[in-house]
Protein backbone atom coordinates (compact mmCIF):
# COMPACT_ATOMS: atom_id res chain seq x y z
CA MET A 1 99.26 118.43 130.30
CA ILE A 2 100.21 115.48 128.09
CA ASP A 3 97.32 113.73 126.34
CA PRO A 4 97.47 110.16 127.75
CA TYR A 5 96.20 108.75 124.43
CA ILE A 6 99.08 110.35 122.51
CA LYS A 7 101.45 109.04 125.20
CA HIS A 8 100.10 105.52 124.67
CA VAL A 9 100.59 105.82 120.89
CA HIS A 10 104.19 106.90 121.40
CA GLU A 11 104.82 104.02 123.83
CA ALA A 12 103.48 101.55 121.25
CA VAL A 13 105.67 103.09 118.55
CA SER A 14 108.76 102.94 120.76
CA TYR A 15 108.18 99.25 121.45
CA ILE A 16 107.74 98.44 117.75
CA GLN A 17 110.87 100.39 116.83
CA SER A 18 112.84 98.50 119.48
CA LYS A 19 111.99 95.27 117.64
CA THR A 20 112.74 96.53 114.13
CA LYS A 21 116.01 98.48 114.58
CA HIS A 22 116.17 101.04 111.76
CA PHE A 23 113.27 99.75 109.63
CA ALA A 24 110.98 102.61 108.53
CA PRO A 25 107.65 101.63 106.92
CA THR A 26 106.03 104.05 104.50
CA VAL A 27 102.77 102.17 103.79
CA ALA A 28 100.31 100.68 106.26
CA LEU A 29 98.22 97.77 104.99
CA THR A 30 95.26 96.69 107.13
CA LEU A 31 93.96 93.23 106.27
CA GLY A 32 90.27 92.63 106.94
CA SER A 33 88.23 89.47 107.50
CA GLY A 34 89.91 86.46 105.93
CA LEU A 35 92.43 88.61 104.04
CA ASN A 36 95.31 87.75 106.35
CA THR A 37 96.94 85.58 103.67
CA LEU A 38 97.96 88.75 101.83
CA ALA A 39 100.55 89.15 104.57
CA ASP A 40 102.37 86.19 102.98
CA LEU A 41 103.49 88.62 100.27
CA ILE A 42 105.55 90.53 102.84
CA GLU A 43 109.22 89.63 103.33
CA PRO A 44 109.26 90.03 107.11
CA VAL A 45 111.71 92.06 109.11
CA ALA A 46 109.74 91.48 112.31
CA THR A 47 106.45 89.88 113.35
CA ILE A 48 104.86 91.17 116.55
CA PRO A 49 101.64 89.85 118.14
CA TYR A 50 99.25 92.67 118.96
CA ALA A 51 99.14 91.40 122.54
CA ASP A 52 102.84 92.25 122.96
CA ILE A 53 102.49 95.89 121.87
CA PRO A 54 101.65 98.31 124.70
CA HIS A 55 98.03 99.55 124.57
CA PHE A 56 97.39 97.92 121.17
CA PRO A 57 93.82 96.61 120.67
CA ILE A 58 93.53 92.83 120.42
CA ALA A 59 91.66 91.36 117.45
CA THR A 60 88.90 88.97 118.60
CA VAL A 61 86.84 88.25 115.45
CA PRO A 62 87.44 84.98 113.53
CA GLY A 63 89.55 85.69 110.46
CA HIS A 64 91.51 88.46 112.22
CA GLU A 65 94.78 86.94 113.38
CA GLY A 66 96.08 89.84 115.46
CA LYS A 67 99.69 90.22 114.32
CA MET A 68 101.77 93.07 112.96
CA ILE A 69 104.23 92.23 110.20
CA LEU A 70 106.88 94.75 109.25
CA GLY A 71 108.81 94.10 106.07
CA ILE A 72 109.13 94.57 102.32
CA LEU A 73 106.27 94.01 99.86
CA GLU A 74 107.50 94.21 96.25
CA GLY A 75 110.13 96.77 97.20
CA VAL A 76 107.85 98.85 99.44
CA PRO A 77 108.55 99.02 103.21
CA VAL A 78 105.22 98.23 104.88
CA VAL A 79 103.58 97.57 108.18
CA GLY A 80 100.99 94.85 107.67
CA LEU A 81 98.16 94.69 110.20
CA LYS A 82 96.66 91.20 110.27
CA GLY A 83 93.24 91.98 111.69
CA ARG A 84 91.45 95.01 113.03
CA LYS A 85 89.26 96.07 115.94
CA HIS A 86 85.66 96.76 114.87
CA PHE A 87 83.35 99.31 116.46
CA TYR A 88 80.87 96.60 117.43
CA GLU A 89 83.51 94.89 119.58
CA VAL A 90 83.98 97.93 121.80
CA ALA A 91 80.74 99.88 121.26
CA ARG A 92 79.96 99.99 124.99
CA ASP A 93 83.32 101.55 125.79
CA PRO A 94 83.19 105.36 126.19
CA HIS A 95 86.38 105.63 124.09
CA ALA A 96 85.37 103.06 121.47
CA MET A 97 86.61 104.88 118.38
CA ASP A 98 89.93 105.74 120.01
CA ILE A 99 90.42 101.99 120.45
CA VAL A 100 89.34 101.20 116.87
CA THR A 101 91.69 103.75 115.33
CA PHE A 102 94.69 103.30 117.64
CA PRO A 103 96.61 101.23 115.02
CA VAL A 104 96.14 104.01 112.46
CA HIS A 105 97.74 106.54 114.80
CA VAL A 106 100.58 104.10 115.42
CA ALA A 107 101.12 103.65 111.66
CA ALA A 108 101.18 107.42 111.14
CA SER A 109 103.62 107.90 114.01
CA LEU A 110 105.86 105.18 112.55
CA GLY A 111 106.18 107.41 109.48
CA CYS A 112 103.67 105.85 107.06
CA THR A 113 102.45 108.26 104.39
CA LEU A 114 99.90 105.93 102.76
CA TYR A 115 97.17 103.95 104.51
CA VAL A 116 95.67 101.02 102.57
CA ALA A 117 92.60 99.27 104.00
CA THR A 118 90.96 96.05 102.85
CA ASN A 119 87.65 94.57 103.92
CA ALA A 120 85.06 91.93 103.15
CA ALA A 121 81.75 93.46 102.06
CA GLY A 122 78.30 92.61 100.80
CA GLY A 123 77.55 93.61 97.22
CA LEU A 124 74.57 95.97 97.09
CA ASN A 125 75.16 96.83 93.45
CA PRO A 126 73.35 94.18 91.39
CA LYS A 127 76.19 94.25 88.84
CA TYR A 128 78.65 92.95 91.42
CA SER A 129 79.45 89.24 91.74
CA VAL A 130 80.99 87.23 94.57
CA GLY A 131 84.77 87.47 94.28
CA ASP A 132 84.81 90.91 92.65
CA LEU A 133 86.97 93.69 94.04
CA MET A 134 85.75 97.25 94.55
CA ALA A 135 88.08 100.23 94.89
CA ILE A 136 86.29 102.58 97.27
CA ARG A 137 85.61 105.99 95.72
CA SER A 138 83.80 107.47 98.71
CA HIS A 139 81.97 106.28 101.78
CA ILE A 140 78.82 106.76 103.84
CA GLY A 141 79.83 106.77 107.49
CA LEU A 142 76.79 108.24 109.20
CA PHE A 143 75.75 104.99 110.91
CA GLN A 144 78.82 104.86 113.15
CA PRO A 145 80.11 107.55 115.52
CA SER A 146 82.77 109.77 114.00
CA PRO A 147 86.25 108.89 115.31
CA LEU A 148 86.96 112.63 115.42
CA MET A 149 84.28 113.34 118.03
CA GLY A 150 85.16 113.78 121.67
CA VAL A 151 88.67 114.61 122.90
CA TYR A 152 90.82 116.28 120.25
CA HIS A 153 94.13 114.42 120.00
CA ASP A 154 96.62 116.94 118.67
CA PHE A 155 99.55 115.12 117.10
CA GLY A 156 100.89 118.39 115.73
CA SER A 157 99.38 118.47 112.26
CA THR A 158 95.80 117.30 112.69
CA ASP A 159 92.88 119.45 111.54
CA PHE A 160 90.23 120.17 114.15
CA PHE A 161 87.51 120.13 111.46
CA GLN A 162 88.52 117.49 108.92
CA PRO A 163 87.64 117.90 105.20
CA GLN A 164 86.83 114.60 103.50
CA ASN A 165 87.37 115.54 99.87
CA THR A 166 90.89 114.09 99.65
CA GLN A 167 90.18 110.53 100.78
CA TYR A 168 90.65 107.50 98.49
CA ASP A 169 93.41 108.84 96.26
CA PRO A 170 92.10 109.03 92.65
CA HIS A 171 95.48 108.19 91.09
CA LEU A 172 95.72 104.98 93.13
CA ARG A 173 92.13 104.05 92.29
CA THR A 174 92.79 104.45 88.56
CA MET A 175 95.98 102.42 88.81
CA PHE A 176 94.27 99.64 90.77
CA LYS A 177 91.28 99.33 88.43
CA LYS A 178 93.58 98.55 85.51
CA LEU A 179 94.89 95.42 87.23
CA ASP A 180 91.86 93.18 86.69
CA PRO A 181 88.64 93.41 84.61
CA SER A 182 86.49 92.43 87.61
CA ILE A 183 87.55 95.48 89.64
CA HIS A 184 84.80 98.04 90.20
CA GLU A 185 84.82 101.49 91.76
CA GLY A 186 82.02 102.42 94.13
CA ILE A 187 80.59 103.72 97.37
CA TYR A 188 81.13 101.81 100.62
CA VAL A 189 78.73 102.18 103.54
CA ALA A 190 79.79 101.21 107.06
CA VAL A 191 77.11 99.98 109.46
CA THR A 192 77.54 99.10 113.11
CA GLY A 193 77.13 95.31 113.00
CA ARG A 194 77.17 92.78 114.53
CA ALA A 195 74.03 91.76 112.62
CA TYR A 196 73.86 91.58 108.84
CA GLU A 197 71.41 93.93 107.15
CA THR A 198 67.69 93.30 106.79
CA GLN A 199 65.95 93.32 103.42
CA ALA A 200 64.55 96.80 104.08
CA GLU A 201 67.93 98.11 105.17
CA CYS A 202 69.61 96.77 102.03
CA LEU A 203 67.01 98.49 99.84
CA MET A 204 67.50 101.74 101.77
CA LEU A 205 71.30 101.60 101.50
CA ARG A 206 71.07 100.85 97.79
CA ALA A 207 68.71 103.80 97.32
CA MET A 208 71.24 106.01 99.12
CA GLY A 209 73.81 105.15 96.45
CA ALA A 210 75.89 102.55 98.28
CA ASP A 211 77.47 99.77 96.20
CA ALA A 212 78.86 97.68 99.05
CA VAL A 213 78.19 97.37 102.77
CA GLY A 214 80.48 96.39 105.64
CA MET A 215 81.31 97.08 109.28
CA SER A 216 84.75 98.71 109.21
CA THR A 217 87.25 100.89 107.31
CA VAL A 218 85.50 104.28 107.49
CA PRO A 219 86.86 105.30 110.94
CA GLU A 220 90.35 104.24 109.89
CA ILE A 221 90.24 106.25 106.67
CA MET A 222 88.97 109.35 108.49
CA VAL A 223 91.77 109.21 111.07
CA ALA A 224 94.43 108.39 108.48
CA THR A 225 93.35 111.45 106.51
CA ASN A 226 93.36 113.52 109.67
CA ARG A 227 96.94 112.40 110.35
CA GLY A 228 98.01 113.53 106.88
CA MET A 229 98.25 110.17 105.14
CA LYS A 230 97.00 109.44 101.65
CA THR A 231 94.34 106.74 101.72
CA PHE A 232 93.17 103.88 99.53
CA ALA A 233 90.73 101.05 100.28
CA VAL A 234 89.44 97.90 98.61
CA SER A 235 86.39 95.74 99.33
CA MET A 236 86.27 92.07 98.45
CA ILE A 237 82.66 91.23 97.57
CA THR A 238 81.92 88.07 99.54
CA ASN A 239 78.16 87.89 99.07
CA ALA A 240 75.76 89.32 96.51
CA ILE A 241 72.63 90.90 97.98
CA ALA A 242 69.58 90.01 95.90
CA LYS A 243 67.71 92.56 93.80
CA ASP A 244 64.81 92.47 96.28
CA GLY A 245 67.26 93.29 99.10
CA THR A 246 67.43 89.80 100.61
CA ASN A 247 70.74 89.29 102.42
CA ALA A 248 71.00 85.64 103.41
CA THR A 249 74.71 85.58 104.22
CA ASN A 250 76.52 84.48 107.36
CA HIS A 251 80.12 84.70 108.59
CA GLU A 252 80.87 81.13 107.52
CA GLU A 253 79.81 81.92 103.93
CA VAL A 254 81.97 85.03 103.92
CA MET A 255 84.99 83.11 105.18
CA ALA A 256 84.43 80.32 102.65
CA VAL A 257 84.71 82.83 99.80
CA LEU A 258 87.79 84.45 101.28
CA ASN A 259 89.51 81.12 101.89
CA SER A 260 88.90 79.75 98.40
CA LYS A 261 91.90 79.10 96.18
CA THR A 262 90.43 81.27 93.41
CA THR A 263 90.07 84.26 95.72
CA GLU A 264 93.55 83.78 97.17
CA GLU A 265 95.21 83.61 93.74
CA LYS A 266 93.37 86.72 92.57
CA LEU A 267 94.27 88.73 95.67
CA TYR A 268 97.92 87.70 95.46
CA ARG A 269 98.17 88.65 91.79
CA VAL A 270 96.37 91.99 92.06
CA PHE A 271 98.06 93.22 95.23
CA ARG A 272 101.49 92.10 94.12
CA GLU A 273 101.08 94.14 90.92
CA PHE A 274 99.66 97.08 92.86
CA PHE A 275 102.64 97.26 95.19
CA LYS A 276 105.06 96.86 92.32
CA LYS A 277 103.59 100.05 90.88
CA LEU A 278 104.04 101.76 94.26
CA THR A 279 107.76 100.94 94.34
CA GLY A 280 109.77 104.15 94.37
CA ALA A 281 106.75 106.31 95.12
CA TYR A 282 106.46 105.19 98.75
């Protein structure tokens, strides 16, 4: 019996390929809250609204545009995902994580061998400042359901029990950190949302070793690894959580940081250089 989820992934892939002729992306780039402008770096071959792609989850959060851009970024063939589906948007659905990670499966089935995720995050580490970038070294994902629970979707090369020691490629992290002196490397913790963290929760997460906190990325990285892709992820620190754990941020503050000219120029410069260094390798 054919797994209907795998069938849906293949139908989405077939539709995308019908719009892009012989274009074959090798890197998937998911753009988190307010980071859609990075897609301007892509020389487009095709732009497809998520709503047009069969079975593709629609982005509903402000700052997540909901478009797929296929094209060339500094010589690298990419599929750019402008916006993502968060767990909190579909948490009541019995197949929530299958919905959240559907675009990752599509990227893998399109032939991508590297999955790059970006997100906006709160800085738990007191050394972090608003506007800093953090290359994720590892994550804490115990506060969200694992995307590998439930029905096992066998795409032909997926482990049933997935090791997590190969996530966040160390070579790519080292390369990325050299691009700007404000780039850190740290631990990202994913919480459920849709509320920001309390003072007590921030202190607990900091005590657990987390450097930044957000509401995404972890399920995507787990599934990308399971599908055999290398992974890399970056957090943009949009608010600094106080030493006493006070987190007074709101979505408007986060978006204001992401939409600032300083942030935009920094992201453009760093990611352009990063993809230049990927040219020929992917």
